[in-house]
Amino acid sequence: MDDINTIYYNNFGIAFQWKRCAAKDFKKIQLVFRNTGLFLTEKELFQFSNNIEKSIEKSCYCEDCKKNNYYKSLLLEAPNPQTSFAMSYAELKDMQDLLSGTLFQLGLDKMLKNFTIDNS
C-alpha cells in the first residue's frame, strides 16, 4: 500500500492515485471494485457518477424489493460507451457511495490546497 494514495474506500471498492506513474496519467484516479479496475480522469468520474444516478432513477424497484436486496441486474454504463456493468440495486448504491465519497474528497483536497494559510 506504499505505492498508492488512498482517496476513499467502502465495502464495495477503493479509489486511489498511484504515487508513481507516467506524467500524462498523474492526475487519473484508479477505481477498483469487484474484479474490475478503471483508470479515470476527474471528468470521467463525474460522468460515471451521473450514469449511476440515471441507472438508479431508471430502476423500478418497489421499497420492499430495495429493503430485501432483490438482485435484478441493472445496466450501468461506464464513462466510455463501449463498457457496461450489470449490477444489483444494492451494488449500484455502493458504487454511488464510492463515487460520491471520492468526488467529495477530491473537492475537499482542492479546496484545502487553494486556501492554505502561509505562516511566513
PDB file of N, CA and C in Angstrom:
ATOM      1  N   MET A   1       0.803  -1.195   0.000  1.00  0.00           N
ATOM      2  CA  MET A   1       0.000   0.000   0.000  1.00  0.00           C
ATOM      3  C   MET A   1       0.851   1.266   0.000  1.00  0.00           C
ATOM      4  N   ASP A   2       2.175   1.111   0.003  1.00  0.00           N
ATOM      5  CA  ASP A   2       3.047   2.274  -0.023  1.00  0.00           C
ATOM      6  C   ASP A   2       3.079   2.950  -1.384  1.00  0.00           C
ATOM      7  N   ASP A   3       2.587   2.272  -2.416  1.00  0.00           N
ATOM      8  CA  ASP A   3       2.626   2.815  -3.777  1.00  0.00           C
ATOM      9  C   ASP A   3       1.418   3.648  -4.136  1.00  0.00           C
ATOM     10  N   ILE A   4       0.431   3.750  -3.212  1.00  0.00           N
ATOM     11  CA  ILE A   4      -0.798   4.464  -3.536  1.00  0.00           C
ATOM     12  C   ILE A   4      -1.149   5.509  -2.484  1.00  0.00           C
ATOM     13  N   ASN A   5      -1.928   6.497  -2.909  1.00  0.00           N
ATOM     14  CA  ASN A   5      -2.552   7.459  -2.014  1.00  0.00           C
ATOM     15  C   ASN A   5      -4.052   7.163  -2.049  1.00  0.00           C
ATOM     16  N   THR A   6      -4.563   6.600  -0.964  1.00  0.00           N
ATOM     17  CA  THR A   6      -5.981   6.258  -0.896  1.00  0.00           C
ATOM     18  C   THR A   6      -6.809   7.535  -0.844  1.00  0.00           C
ATOM     19  N   ILE A   7      -7.835   7.601  -1.683  1.00  0.00           N
ATOM     20  CA  ILE A   7      -8.742   8.739  -1.693  1.00  0.00           C
ATOM     21  C   ILE A   7      -9.985   8.415  -0.883  1.00  0.00           C
ATOM     22  N   TYR A   8     -10.595   7.267  -1.180  1.00  0.00           N
ATOM     23  CA  TYR A   8     -11.826   6.864  -0.497  1.00  0.00           C
ATOM     24  C   TYR A   8     -12.023   5.366  -0.711  1.00  0.00           C
ATOM     25  N   TYR A   9     -12.643   4.715   0.272  1.00  0.00           N
ATOM     26  CA  TYR A   9     -12.984   3.302   0.109  1.00  0.00           C
ATOM     27  C   TYR A   9     -14.240   2.992   0.917  1.00  0.00           C
ATOM     28  N   ASN A  10     -14.922   1.948   0.501  1.00  0.00           N
ATOM     29  CA  ASN A  10     -16.059   1.406   1.251  1.00  0.00           C
ATOM     30  C   ASN A  10     -16.015  -0.113   1.114  1.00  0.00           C
ATOM     31  N   ASN A  11     -17.072  -0.785   1.528  1.00  0.00           N
ATOM     32  CA  ASN A  11     -17.067  -2.252   1.470  1.00  0.00           C
ATOM     33  C   ASN A  11     -17.144  -2.789   0.039  1.00  0.00           C
ATOM     34  N   PHE A  12     -17.396  -1.919  -0.938  1.00  0.00           N
ATOM     35  CA  PHE A  12     -17.550  -2.343  -2.330  1.00  0.00           C
ATOM     36  C   PHE A  12     -16.269  -2.157  -3.148  1.00  0.00           C
ATOM     37  N   GLY A  13     -15.492  -1.113  -2.825  1.00  0.00           N
ATOM     38  CA  GLY A  13     -14.303  -0.843  -3.621  1.00  0.00           C
ATOM     39  C   GLY A  13     -13.421   0.239  -3.019  1.00  0.00           C
ATOM     40  N   ILE A  14     -12.464   0.680  -3.821  1.00  0.00           N
ATOM     41  CA  ILE A  14     -11.489   1.680  -3.376  1.00  0.00           C
ATOM     42  C   ILE A  14     -11.144   2.600  -4.541  1.00  0.00           C
ATOM     43  N   ALA A  15     -10.867   3.846  -4.208  1.00  0.00           N
ATOM     44  CA  ALA A  15     -10.382   4.820  -5.184  1.00  0.00           C
ATOM     45  C   ALA A  15      -9.046   5.346  -4.663  1.00  0.00           C
ATOM     46  N   PHE A  16      -8.063   5.375  -5.542  1.00  0.00           N
ATOM     47  CA  PHE A  16      -6.738   5.836  -5.130  1.00  0.00           C
ATOM     48  C   PHE A  16      -5.980   6.396  -6.320  1.00  0.00           C
ATOM     49  N   GLN A  17      -4.865   7.058  -6.024  1.00  0.00           N
ATOM     50  CA  GLN A  17      -3.945   7.515  -7.057  1.00  0.00           C
ATOM     51  C   GLN A  17      -2.605   6.836  -6.831  1.00  0.00           C
ATOM     52  N   TRP A  18      -1.987   6.464  -7.937  1.00  0.00           N
ATOM     53  CA  TRP A  18      -0.658   5.869  -7.864  1.00  0.00           C
ATOM     54  C   TRP A  18       0.347   6.967  -7.524  1.00  0.00           C
ATOM     55  N   LYS A  19       1.288   6.666  -6.651  1.00  0.00           N
ATOM     56  CA  LYS A  19       2.329   7.643  -6.306  1.00  0.00           C
ATOM     57  C   LYS A  19       3.304   7.845  -7.461  1.00  0.00           C
ATOM     58  N   ARG A  20       3.575   6.760  -8.195  1.00  0.00           N
ATOM     59  CA  ARG A  20       4.484   6.861  -9.336  1.00  0.00           C
ATOM     60  C   ARG A  20       3.758   6.364 -10.578  1.00  0.00           C
ATOM     61  N   CYS A  21       3.636   7.245 -11.542  1.00  0.00           N
ATOM     62  CA  CYS A  21       3.029   6.845 -12.811  1.00  0.00           C
ATOM     63  C   CYS A  21       3.477   7.839 -13.878  1.00  0.00           C
ATOM     64  N   ALA A  22       3.132   7.541 -15.108  1.00  0.00           N
ATOM     65  CA  ALA A  22       3.515   8.413 -16.221  1.00  0.00           C
ATOM     66  C   ALA A  22       2.925   9.807 -16.021  1.00  0.00           C
ATOM     67  N   ALA A  23       3.640  10.820 -16.475  1.00  0.00           N
ATOM     68  CA  ALA A  23       3.211  12.207 -16.305  1.00  0.00           C
ATOM     69  C   ALA A  23       1.810  12.448 -16.864  1.00  0.00           C
ATOM     70  N   LYS A  24       1.479  11.814 -17.983  1.00  0.00           N
ATOM     71  CA  LYS A  24       0.163  12.019 -18.586  1.00  0.00           C
ATOM     72  C   LYS A  24      -0.956  11.409 -17.746  1.00  0.00           C
ATOM     73  N   ASP A  25      -0.631  10.456 -16.876  1.00  0.00           N
ATOM     74  CA  ASP A  25      -1.626   9.787 -16.039  1.00  0.00           C
ATOM     75  C   ASP A  25      -1.574  10.237 -14.582  1.00  0.00           C
ATOM     76  N   PHE A  26      -0.787  11.248 -14.281  1.00  0.00           N
ATOM     77  CA  PHE A  26      -0.535  11.652 -12.903  1.00  0.00           C
ATOM     78  C   PHE A  26      -1.818  12.021 -12.154  1.00  0.00           C
ATOM     79  N   LYS A  27      -2.774  12.649 -12.823  1.00  0.00           N
ATOM     80  CA  LYS A  27      -3.995  13.093 -12.153  1.00  0.00           C
ATOM     81  C   LYS A  27      -5.149  12.103 -12.250  1.00  0.00           C
ATOM     82  N   LYS A  28      -4.941  10.965 -12.892  1.00  0.00           N
ATOM     83  CA  LYS A  28      -6.011   9.982 -13.017  1.00  0.00           C
ATOM     84  C   LYS A  28      -6.204   9.225 -11.708  1.00  0.00           C
ATOM     85  N   ILE A  29      -7.426   8.762 -11.518  1.00  0.00           N
ATOM     86  CA  ILE A  29      -7.795   8.036 -10.318  1.00  0.00           C
ATOM     87  C   ILE A  29      -8.067   6.585 -10.684  1.00  0.00           C
ATOM     88  N   GLN A  30      -7.506   5.677  -9.899  1.00  0.00           N
ATOM     89  CA  GLN A  30      -7.753   4.249 -10.088  1.00  0.00           C
ATOM     90  C   GLN A  30      -8.952   3.883  -9.226  1.00  0.00           C
ATOM     91  N   LEU A  31      -9.975   3.329  -9.855  1.00  0.00           N
ATOM     92  CA  LEU A  31     -11.183   2.892  -9.178  1.00  0.00           C
ATOM     93  C   LEU A  31     -11.226   1.372  -9.290  1.00  0.00           C
ATOM     94  N   VAL A  32     -11.253   0.674  -8.160  1.00  0.00           N
ATOM     95  CA  VAL A  32     -11.250  -0.785  -8.164  1.00  0.00           C
ATOM     96  C   VAL A  32     -12.476  -1.285  -7.399  1.00  0.00           C
ATOM     97  N   PHE A  33     -13.277  -2.124  -8.057  1.00  0.00           N
ATOM     98  CA  PHE A  33     -14.455  -2.730  -7.451  1.00  0.00           C
ATOM     99  C   PHE A  33     -14.659  -4.091  -8.105  1.00  0.00           C
ATOM    100  N   ARG A  34     -15.247  -5.012  -7.344  1.00  0.00           N
ATOM    101  CA  ARG A  34     -15.398  -6.389  -7.815  1.00  0.00           C
ATOM    102  C   ARG A  34     -14.050  -6.875  -8.338  1.00  0.00           C
ATOM    103  N   ASN A  35     -14.022  -7.378  -9.567  1.00  0.00           N
ATOM    104  CA  ASN A  35     -12.773  -7.789 -10.210  1.00  0.00           C
ATOM    105  C   ASN A  35     -12.403  -6.816 -11.313  1.00  0.00           C
ATOM    106  N   THR A  36     -12.746  -5.553 -11.129  1.00  0.00           N
ATOM    107  CA  THR A  36     -12.588  -4.561 -12.178  1.00  0.00           C
ATOM    108  C   THR A  36     -11.777  -3.374 -11.684  1.00  0.00           C
ATOM    109  N   GLY A  37     -10.942  -2.851 -12.553  1.00  0.00           N
ATOM    110  CA  GLY A  37     -10.216  -1.628 -12.277  1.00  0.00           C
ATOM    111  C   GLY A  37     -10.419  -0.648 -13.418  1.00  0.00           C
ATOM    112  N   LEU A  38     -10.748   0.587 -13.076  1.00  0.00           N
ATOM    113  CA  LEU A  38     -10.898   1.642 -14.071  1.00  0.00           C
ATOM    114  C   LEU A  38      -9.934   2.764 -13.727  1.00  0.00           C
ATOM    115  N   PHE A  39      -9.272   3.304 -14.722  1.00  0.00           N
ATOM    116  CA  PHE A  39      -8.312   4.383 -14.556  1.00  0.00           C
ATOM    117  C   PHE A  39      -8.936   5.617 -15.195  1.00  0.00           C
ATOM    118  N   LEU A  40      -9.469   6.537 -14.364  1.00  0.00           N
ATOM    119  CA  LEU A  40     -10.324   7.604 -14.860  1.00  0.00           C
ATOM    120  C   LEU A  40      -9.826   8.996 -14.488  1.00  0.00           C
ATOM    121  N   THR A  41     -10.167   9.956 -15.337  1.00  0.00           N
ATOM    122  CA  THR A  41      -9.922  11.356 -15.012  1.00  0.00           C
ATOM    123  C   THR A  41     -11.044  11.823 -14.080  1.00  0.00           C
ATOM    124  N   GLU A  42     -10.886  12.994 -13.506  1.00  0.00           N
ATOM    125  CA  GLU A  42     -11.936  13.532 -12.639  1.00  0.00           C
ATOM    126  C   GLU A  42     -13.221  13.778 -13.438  1.00  0.00           C
ATOM    127  N   LYS A  43     -13.079  14.244 -14.655  1.00  0.00           N
ATOM    128  CA  LYS A  43     -14.240  14.465 -15.529  1.00  0.00           C
ATOM    129  C   LYS A  43     -14.982  13.145 -15.773  1.00  0.00           C
ATOM    130  N   GLU A  44     -14.235  12.076 -16.010  1.00  0.00           N
ATOM    131  CA  GLU A  44     -14.847  10.768 -16.223  1.00  0.00           C
ATOM    132  C   GLU A  44     -15.523  10.244 -14.953  1.00  0.00           C
ATOM    133  N   LEU A  45     -14.955  10.575 -13.777  1.00  0.00           N
ATOM    134  CA  LEU A  45     -15.594  10.201 -12.516  1.00  0.00           C
ATOM    135  C   LEU A  45     -16.961  10.873 -12.394  1.00  0.00           C
ATOM    136  N   PHE A  46     -17.030  12.161 -12.758  1.00  0.00           N
ATOM    137  CA  PHE A  46     -18.308  12.873 -12.725  1.00  0.00           C
ATOM    138  C   PHE A  46     -19.301  12.244 -13.695  1.00  0.00           C
ATOM    139  N   GLN A  47     -18.841  11.877 -14.881  1.00  0.00           N
ATOM    140  CA  GLN A  47     -19.719  11.236 -15.868  1.00  0.00           C
ATOM    141  C   GLN A  47     -20.232   9.896 -15.339  1.00  0.00           C
ATOM    142  N   PHE A  48     -19.338   9.122 -14.747  1.00  0.00           N
ATOM    143  CA  PHE A  48     -19.708   7.830 -14.186  1.00  0.00           C
ATOM    144  C   PHE A  48     -20.734   8.010 -13.064  1.00  0.00           C
ATOM    145  N   SER A  49     -20.531   9.011 -12.229  1.00  0.00           N
ATOM    146  CA  SER A  49     -21.461   9.318 -11.155  1.00  0.00           C
ATOM    147  C   SER A  49     -22.839   9.670 -11.720  1.00  0.00           C
ATOM    148  N   ASN A  50     -22.867  10.457 -12.783  1.00  0.00           N
ATOM    149  CA  ASN A  50     -24.139  10.790 -13.442  1.00  0.00           C
ATOM    150  C   ASN A  50     -24.808   9.538 -14.008  1.00  0.00           C
ATOM    151  N   ASN A  51     -24.013   8.648 -14.588  1.00  0.00           N
ATOM    152  CA  ASN A  51     -24.559   7.392 -15.125  1.00  0.00           C
ATOM    153  C   ASN A  51     -25.185   6.543 -14.018  1.00  0.00           C
ATOM    154  N   ILE A  52     -24.558   6.546 -12.849  1.00  0.00           N
ATOM    155  CA  ILE A  52     -25.095   5.803 -11.709  1.00  0.00           C
ATOM    156  C   ILE A  52     -26.442   6.391 -11.298  1.00  0.00           C
ATOM    157  N   GLU A  53     -26.504   7.719 -11.206  1.00  0.00           N
ATOM    158  CA  GLU A  53     -27.758   8.395 -10.849  1.00  0.00           C
ATOM    159  C   GLU A  53     -28.864   8.017 -11.828  1.00  0.00           C
ATOM    160  N   LYS A  54     -28.553   8.027 -13.124  1.00  0.00           N
ATOM    161  CA  LYS A  54     -29.548   7.677 -14.147  1.00  0.00           C
ATOM    162  C   LYS A  54     -30.004   6.226 -14.005  1.00  0.00           C
ATOM    163  N   SER A  55     -29.071   5.318 -13.733  1.00  0.00           N
ATOM    164  CA  SER A  55     -29.427   3.908 -13.566  1.00  0.00           C
ATOM    165  C   SER A  55     -30.328   3.698 -12.356  1.00  0.00           C
ATOM    166  N   ILE A  56     -30.031   4.411 -11.274  1.00  0.00           N
ATOM    167  CA  ILE A  56     -30.863   4.294 -10.069  1.00  0.00           C
ATOM    168  C   ILE A  56     -32.251   4.859 -10.334  1.00  0.00           C
ATOM    169  N   GLU A  57     -32.328   5.986 -11.030  1.00  0.00           N
ATOM    170  CA  GLU A  57     -33.619   6.590 -11.363  1.00  0.00           C
ATOM    171  C   GLU A  57     -34.451   5.680 -12.258  1.00  0.00           C
ATOM    172  N   LYS A  58     -33.793   4.982 -13.190  1.00  0.00           N
ATOM    173  CA  LYS A  58     -34.496   4.096 -14.125  1.00  0.00           C
ATOM    174  C   LYS A  58     -34.960   2.802 -13.464  1.00  0.00           C
ATOM    175  N   SER A  59     -34.324   2.428 -12.353  1.00  0.00           N
ATOM    176  CA  SER A  59     -34.692   1.171 -11.705  1.00  0.00           C
ATOM    177  C   SER A  59     -36.124   1.289 -11.193  1.00  0.00           C
ATOM    178  N   CYS A  60     -36.878   0.248 -11.390  1.00  0.00           N
ATOM    179  CA  CYS A  60     -38.279   0.286 -10.970  1.00  0.00           C
ATOM    180  C   CYS A  60     -38.490  -0.659  -9.794  1.00  0.00           C
ATOM    181  N   TYR A  61     -37.675  -0.499  -8.780  1.00  0.00           N
ATOM    182  CA  TYR A  61     -37.803  -1.314  -7.585  1.00  0.00           C
ATOM    183  C   TYR A  61     -38.828  -0.705  -6.638  1.00  0.00           C
ATOM    184  N   CYS A  62     -39.656  -1.530  -6.081  1.00  0.00           N
ATOM    185  CA  CYS A  62     -40.536  -1.062  -5.018  1.00  0.00           C
ATOM    186  C   CYS A  62     -39.705  -1.010  -3.727  1.00  0.00           C
ATOM    187  N   GLU A  63     -40.203  -0.344  -2.726  1.00  0.00           N
ATOM    188  CA  GLU A  63     -39.461  -0.202  -1.472  1.00  0.00           C
ATOM    189  C   GLU A  63     -39.174  -1.563  -0.831  1.00  0.00           C
ATOM    190  N   ASP A  64     -40.102  -2.499  -0.958  1.00  0.00           N
ATOM    191  CA  ASP A  64     -39.907  -3.829  -0.387  1.00  0.00           C
ATOM    192  C   ASP A  64     -38.736  -4.547  -1.060  1.00  0.00           C
ATOM    193  N   CYS A  65     -38.627  -4.412  -2.384  1.00  0.00           N
ATOM    194  CA  CYS A  65     -37.522  -5.044  -3.123  1.00  0.00           C
ATOM    195  C   CYS A  65     -36.185  -4.430  -2.705  1.00  0.00           C
ATOM    196  N   LYS A  66     -36.163  -3.109  -2.497  1.00  0.00           N
ATOM    197  CA  LYS A  66     -34.930  -2.436  -2.081  1.00  0.00           C
ATOM    198  C   LYS A  66     -34.495  -2.921  -0.703  1.00  0.00           C
ATOM    199  N   LYS A  67     -35.458  -3.045   0.218  1.00  0.00           N
ATOM    200  CA  LYS A  67     -35.142  -3.480   1.583  1.00  0.00           C
ATOM    201  C   LYS A  67     -34.645  -4.923   1.602  1.00  0.00           C
ATOM    202  N   ASN A  68     -35.231  -5.770   0.776  1.00  0.00           N
ATOM    203  CA  ASN A  68     -34.863  -7.185   0.749  1.00  0.00           C
ATOM    204  C   ASN A  68     -33.711  -7.487  -0.192  1.00  0.00           C
ATOM    205  N   ASN A  69     -33.099  -6.430  -0.735  1.00  0.00           N
ATOM    206  CA  ASN A  69     -31.920  -6.557  -1.585  1.00  0.00           C
ATOM    207  C   ASN A  69     -32.178  -7.475  -2.782  1.00  0.00           C
ATOM    208  N   TYR A  70     -33.270  -7.259  -3.438  1.00  0.00           N
ATOM    209  CA  TYR A  70     -33.638  -8.019  -4.630  1.00  0.00           C
ATOM    210  C   TYR A  70     -32.536  -7.880  -5.676  1.00  0.00           C
ATOM    211  N   TYR A  71     -32.143  -8.991  -6.306  1.00  0.00           N
ATOM    212  CA  TYR A  71     -30.960  -8.987  -7.161  1.00  0.00           C
ATOM    213  C   TYR A  71     -31.252  -8.972  -8.652  1.00  0.00           C
ATOM    214  N   LYS A  72     -32.172  -8.186  -9.085  1.00  0.00           N
ATOM    215  CA  LYS A  72     -32.389  -7.993 -10.515  1.00  0.00           C
ATOM    216  C   LYS A  72     -31.217  -7.145 -11.032  1.00  0.00           C
ATOM    217  N   SER A  73     -30.614  -7.571 -12.106  1.00  0.00           N
ATOM    218  CA  SER A  73     -29.472  -6.830 -12.637  1.00  0.00           C
ATOM    219  C   SER A  73     -29.914  -5.582 -13.379  1.00  0.00           C
ATOM    220  N   LEU A  74     -29.212  -4.510 -13.122  1.00  0.00           N
ATOM    221  CA  LEU A  74     -29.417  -3.242 -13.810  1.00  0.00           C
ATOM    222  C   LEU A  74     -28.153  -2.945 -14.590  1.00  0.00           C
ATOM    223  N   LEU A  75     -28.304  -2.277 -15.699  1.00  0.00           N
ATOM    224  CA  LEU A  75     -27.158  -1.966 -16.544  1.00  0.00           C
ATOM    225  C   LEU A  75     -26.614  -0.580 -16.202  1.00  0.00           C
ATOM    226  N   LEU A  76     -25.327  -0.518 -15.920  1.00  0.00           N
ATOM    227  CA  LEU A  76     -24.641   0.732 -15.619  1.00  0.00           C
ATOM    228  C   LEU A  76     -23.614   0.989 -16.703  1.00  0.00           C
ATOM    229  N   GLU A  77     -23.755   2.107 -17.387  1.00  0.00           N
ATOM    230  CA  GLU A  77     -22.796   2.483 -18.425  1.00  0.00           C
ATOM    231  C   GLU A  77     -21.560   3.088 -17.789  1.00  0.00           C
ATOM    232  N   ALA A  78     -20.396   2.650 -18.239  1.00  0.00           N
ATOM    233  CA  ALA A  78     -19.131   3.239 -17.802  1.00  0.00           C
ATOM    234  C   ALA A  78     -18.949   4.572 -18.531  1.00  0.00           C
ATOM    235  N   PRO A  79     -17.951   5.366 -18.160  1.00  0.00           N
ATOM    236  CA  PRO A  79     -17.727   6.636 -18.855  1.00  0.00           C
ATOM    237  C   PRO A  79     -17.454   6.470 -20.353  1.00  0.00           C
ATOM    238  N   ASN A  80     -16.866   5.347 -20.739  1.00  0.00           N
ATOM    239  CA  ASN A  80     -16.690   5.090 -22.170  1.00  0.00           C
ATOM    240  C   ASN A  80     -17.878   4.250 -22.643  1.00  0.00           C
ATOM    241  N   PRO A  81     -18.464   4.584 -23.769  1.00  0.00           N
ATOM    242  CA  PRO A  81     -19.706   3.926 -24.186  1.00  0.00           C
ATOM    243  C   PRO A  81     -19.561   2.448 -24.550  1.00  0.00           C
ATOM    244  N   GLN A  82     -18.350   1.934 -24.682  1.00  0.00           N
ATOM    245  CA  GLN A  82     -18.166   0.536 -25.054  1.00  0.00           C
ATOM    246  C   GLN A  82     -18.309  -0.418 -23.860  1.00  0.00           C
ATOM    247  N   THR A  83     -18.349   0.112 -22.638  1.00  0.00           N
ATOM    248  CA  THR A  83     -18.340  -0.725 -21.445  1.00  0.00           C
ATOM    249  C   THR A  83     -19.580  -0.485 -20.596  1.00  0.00           C
ATOM    250  N   SER A  84     -20.185  -1.575 -20.139  1.00  0.00           N
ATOM    251  CA  SER A  84     -21.323  -1.514 -19.211  1.00  0.00           C
ATOM    252  C   SER A  84     -21.122  -2.566 -18.132  1.00  0.00           C
ATOM    253  N   PHE A  85     -21.757  -2.349 -16.989  1.00  0.00           N
ATOM    254  CA  PHE A  85     -21.692  -3.289 -15.873  1.00  0.00           C
ATOM    255  C   PHE A  85     -23.104  -3.688 -15.477  1.00  0.00           C
ATOM    256  N   ALA A  86     -23.315  -4.967 -15.216  1.00  0.00           N
ATOM    257  CA  ALA A  86     -24.581  -5.452 -14.684  1.00  0.00           C
ATOM    258  C   ALA A  86     -24.457  -5.481 -13.168  1.00  0.00           C
ATOM    259  N   MET A  87     -25.354  -4.756 -12.475  1.00  0.00           N
ATOM    260  CA  MET A  87     -25.289  -4.648 -11.023  1.00  0.00           C
ATOM    261  C   MET A  87     -26.681  -4.737 -10.420  1.00  0.00           C
ATOM    262  N   SER A  88     -26.709  -5.188  -9.179  1.00  0.00           N
ATOM    263  CA  SER A  88     -27.961  -5.169  -8.423  1.00  0.00           C
ATOM    264  C   SER A  88     -28.180  -3.754  -7.896  1.00  0.00           C
ATOM    265  N   TYR A  89     -29.365  -3.509  -7.360  1.00  0.00           N
ATOM    266  CA  TYR A  89     -29.664  -2.196  -6.781  1.00  0.00           C
ATOM    267  C   TYR A  89     -28.693  -1.889  -5.638  1.00  0.00           C
ATOM    268  N   ALA A  90     -28.431  -2.879  -4.790  1.00  0.00           N
ATOM    269  CA  ALA A  90     -27.510  -2.681  -3.655  1.00  0.00           C
ATOM    270  C   ALA A  90     -26.102  -2.341  -4.147  1.00  0.00           C
ATOM    271  N   GLU A  91     -25.642  -3.016  -5.201  1.00  0.00           N
ATOM    272  CA  GLU A  91     -24.318  -2.725  -5.753  1.00  0.00           C
ATOM    273  C   GLU A  91     -24.273  -1.320  -6.347  1.00  0.00           C
ATOM    274  N   LEU A  92     -25.360  -0.909  -7.010  1.00  0.00           N
ATOM    275  CA  LEU A  92     -25.425   0.457  -7.546  1.00  0.00           C
ATOM    276  C   LEU A  92     -25.318   1.488  -6.431  1.00  0.00           C
ATOM    277  N   LYS A  93     -26.000   1.242  -5.320  1.00  0.00           N
ATOM    278  CA  LYS A  93     -25.943   2.165  -4.182  1.00  0.00           C
ATOM    279  C   LYS A  93     -24.530   2.197  -3.584  1.00  0.00           C
ATOM    280  N   ASP A  94     -23.870   1.041  -3.508  1.00  0.00           N
ATOM    281  CA  ASP A  94     -22.484   1.003  -3.021  1.00  0.00           C
ATOM    282  C   ASP A  94     -21.555   1.745  -3.968  1.00  0.00           C
ATOM    283  N   MET A  95     -21.776   1.574  -5.267  1.00  0.00           N
ATOM    284  CA  MET A  95     -20.968   2.274  -6.266  1.00  0.00           C
ATOM    285  C   MET A  95     -21.217   3.783  -6.175  1.00  0.00           C
ATOM    286  N   GLN A  96     -22.470   4.148  -5.961  1.00  0.00           N
ATOM    287  CA  GLN A  96     -22.808   5.565  -5.807  1.00  0.00           C
ATOM    288  C   GLN A  96     -22.060   6.159  -4.612  1.00  0.00           C
ATOM    289  N   ASP A  97     -22.011   5.431  -3.506  1.00  0.00           N
ATOM    290  CA  ASP A  97     -21.274   5.890  -2.326  1.00  0.00           C
ATOM    291  C   ASP A  97     -19.786   6.010  -2.625  1.00  0.00           C
ATOM    292  N   LEU A  98     -19.235   5.034  -3.327  1.00  0.00           N
ATOM    293  CA  LEU A  98     -17.806   5.055  -3.673  1.00  0.00           C
ATOM    294  C   LEU A  98     -17.472   6.286  -4.518  1.00  0.00           C
ATOM    295  N   LEU A  99     -18.292   6.561  -5.526  1.00  0.00           N
ATOM    296  CA  LEU A  99     -18.038   7.719  -6.387  1.00  0.00           C
ATOM    297  C   LEU A  99     -18.283   9.032  -5.651  1.00  0.00           C
ATOM    298  N   SER A 100     -19.352   9.113  -4.884  1.00  0.00           N
ATOM    299  CA  SER A 100     -19.663  10.340  -4.139  1.00  0.00           C
ATOM    300  C   SER A 100     -18.567  10.666  -3.132  1.00  0.00           C
ATOM    301  N   GLY A 101     -18.130   9.643  -2.403  1.00  0.00           N
ATOM    302  CA  GLY A 101     -17.060   9.849  -1.428  1.00  0.00           C
ATOM    303  C   GLY A 101     -15.755  10.266  -2.083  1.00  0.00           C
ATOM    304  N   THR A 102     -15.453   9.670  -3.218  1.00  0.00           N
ATOM    305  CA  THR A 102     -14.225  10.001  -3.960  1.00  0.00           C
ATOM    306  C   THR A 102     -14.275  11.436  -4.460  1.00  0.00           C
ATOM    307  N   LEU A 103     -15.386  11.815  -5.085  1.00  0.00           N
ATOM    308  CA  LEU A 103     -15.520  13.174  -5.615  1.00  0.00           C
ATOM    309  C   LEU A 103     -15.530  14.210  -4.487  1.00  0.00           C
ATOM    310  N   PHE A 104     -16.160  13.882  -3.373  1.00  0.00           N
ATOM    311  CA  PHE A 104     -16.149  14.785  -2.218  1.00  0.00           C
ATOM    312  C   PHE A 104     -14.726  14.998  -1.717  1.00  0.00           C
ATOM    313  N   GLN A 105     -13.976  13.901  -1.558  1.00  0.00           N
ATOM    314  CA  GLN A 105     -12.608  14.001  -1.044  1.00  0.00           C
ATOM    315  C   GLN A 105     -11.708  14.775  -2.004  1.00  0.00           C
ATOM    316  N   LEU A 106     -11.863  14.546  -3.317  1.00  0.00           N
ATOM    317  CA  LEU A 106     -11.074  15.290  -4.299  1.00  0.00           C
ATOM    318  C   LEU A 106     -11.382  16.786  -4.223  1.00  0.00           C
ATOM    319  N   GLY A 107     -12.672  17.128  -4.076  1.00  0.00           N
ATOM    320  CA  GLY A 107     -13.072  18.530  -3.947  1.00  0.00           C
ATOM    321  C   GLY A 107     -12.540  19.151  -2.676  1.00  0.00           C
ATOM    322  N   LEU A 108     -12.605  18.420  -1.582  1.00  0.00           N
ATOM    323  CA  LEU A 108     -12.087  18.907  -0.307  1.00  0.00           C
ATOM    324  C   LEU A 108     -10.580  19.136  -0.384  1.00  0.00           C
ATOM    325  N   ASP A 109      -9.861  18.190  -0.983  1.00  0.00           N
ATOM    326  CA  ASP A 109      -8.407  18.335  -1.144  1.00  0.00           C
ATOM    327  C   ASP A 109      -8.064  19.576  -1.963  1.00  0.00           C
ATOM    328  N   LYS A 110      -8.821  19.822  -3.039  1.00  0.00           N
ATOM    329  CA  LYS A 110      -8.587  21.019  -3.860  1.00  0.00           C
ATOM    330  C   LYS A 110      -8.838  22.286  -3.064  1.00  0.00           C
ATOM    331  N   MET A 111      -9.937  22.293  -2.311  1.00  0.00           N
ATOM    332  CA  MET A 111     -10.280  23.465  -1.522  1.00  0.00           C
ATOM    333  C   MET A 111      -9.203  23.753  -0.475  1.00  0.00           C
ATOM    334  N   LEU A 112      -8.746  22.733   0.217  1.00  0.00           N
ATOM    335  CA  LEU A 112      -7.714  22.913   1.238  1.00  0.00           C
ATOM    336  C   LEU A 112      -6.397  23.380   0.625  1.00  0.00           C
ATOM    337  N   LYS A 113      -6.093  22.869  -0.552  1.00  0.00           N
ATOM    338  CA  LYS A 113      -4.867  23.287  -1.236  1.00  0.00           C
ATOM    339  C   LYS A 113      -4.939  24.766  -1.626  1.00  0.00           C
ATOM    340  N   ASN A 114      -6.100  25.216  -2.070  1.00  0.00           N
ATOM    341  CA  ASN A 114      -6.273  26.599  -2.507  1.00  0.00           C
ATOM    342  C   ASN A 114      -6.373  27.590  -1.361  1.00  0.00           C
ATOM    343  N   PHE A 115      -6.736  27.123  -0.165  1.00  0.00           N
ATOM    344  CA  PHE A 115      -6.936  28.026   0.936  1.00  0.00           C
ATOM    345  C   PHE A 115      -5.993  27.762   2.114  1.00  0.00           C
ATOM    346  N   THR A 116      -4.793  27.352   1.816  1.00  0.00           N
ATOM    347  CA  THR A 116      -3.820  27.137   2.879  1.00  0.00           C
ATOM    348  C   THR A 116      -3.314  28.480   3.383  1.00  0.00           C
ATOM    349  N   ILE A 117      -3.024  28.545   4.650  1.00  0.00           N
ATOM    350  CA  ILE A 117      -2.538  29.778   5.277  1.00  0.00           C
ATOM    351  C   ILE A 117      -1.027  29.724   5.337  1.00  0.00           C
ATOM    352  N   ASP A 118      -0.405  30.766   4.826  1.00  0.00           N
ATOM    353  CA  ASP A 118       1.056  30.864   4.840  1.00  0.00           C
ATOM    354  C   ASP A 118       1.462  31.564   6.128  1.00  0.00           C
ATOM    355  N   ASN A 119       2.241  30.884   6.970  1.00  0.00           N
ATOM    356  CA  ASN A 119       2.646  31.414   8.272  1.00  0.00           C
ATOM    357  C   ASN A 119       3.890  32.301   8.201  1.00  0.00           C
ATOM    358  N   SER A 120       4.404  32.564   7.005  1.00  0.00           N
ATOM    359  CA  SER A 120       5.622  33.367   6.947  1.00  0.00           C
ATOM    360  C   SER A 120       5.363  34.840   6.854  1.00  0.00           C
TER     361      SER A 120
END
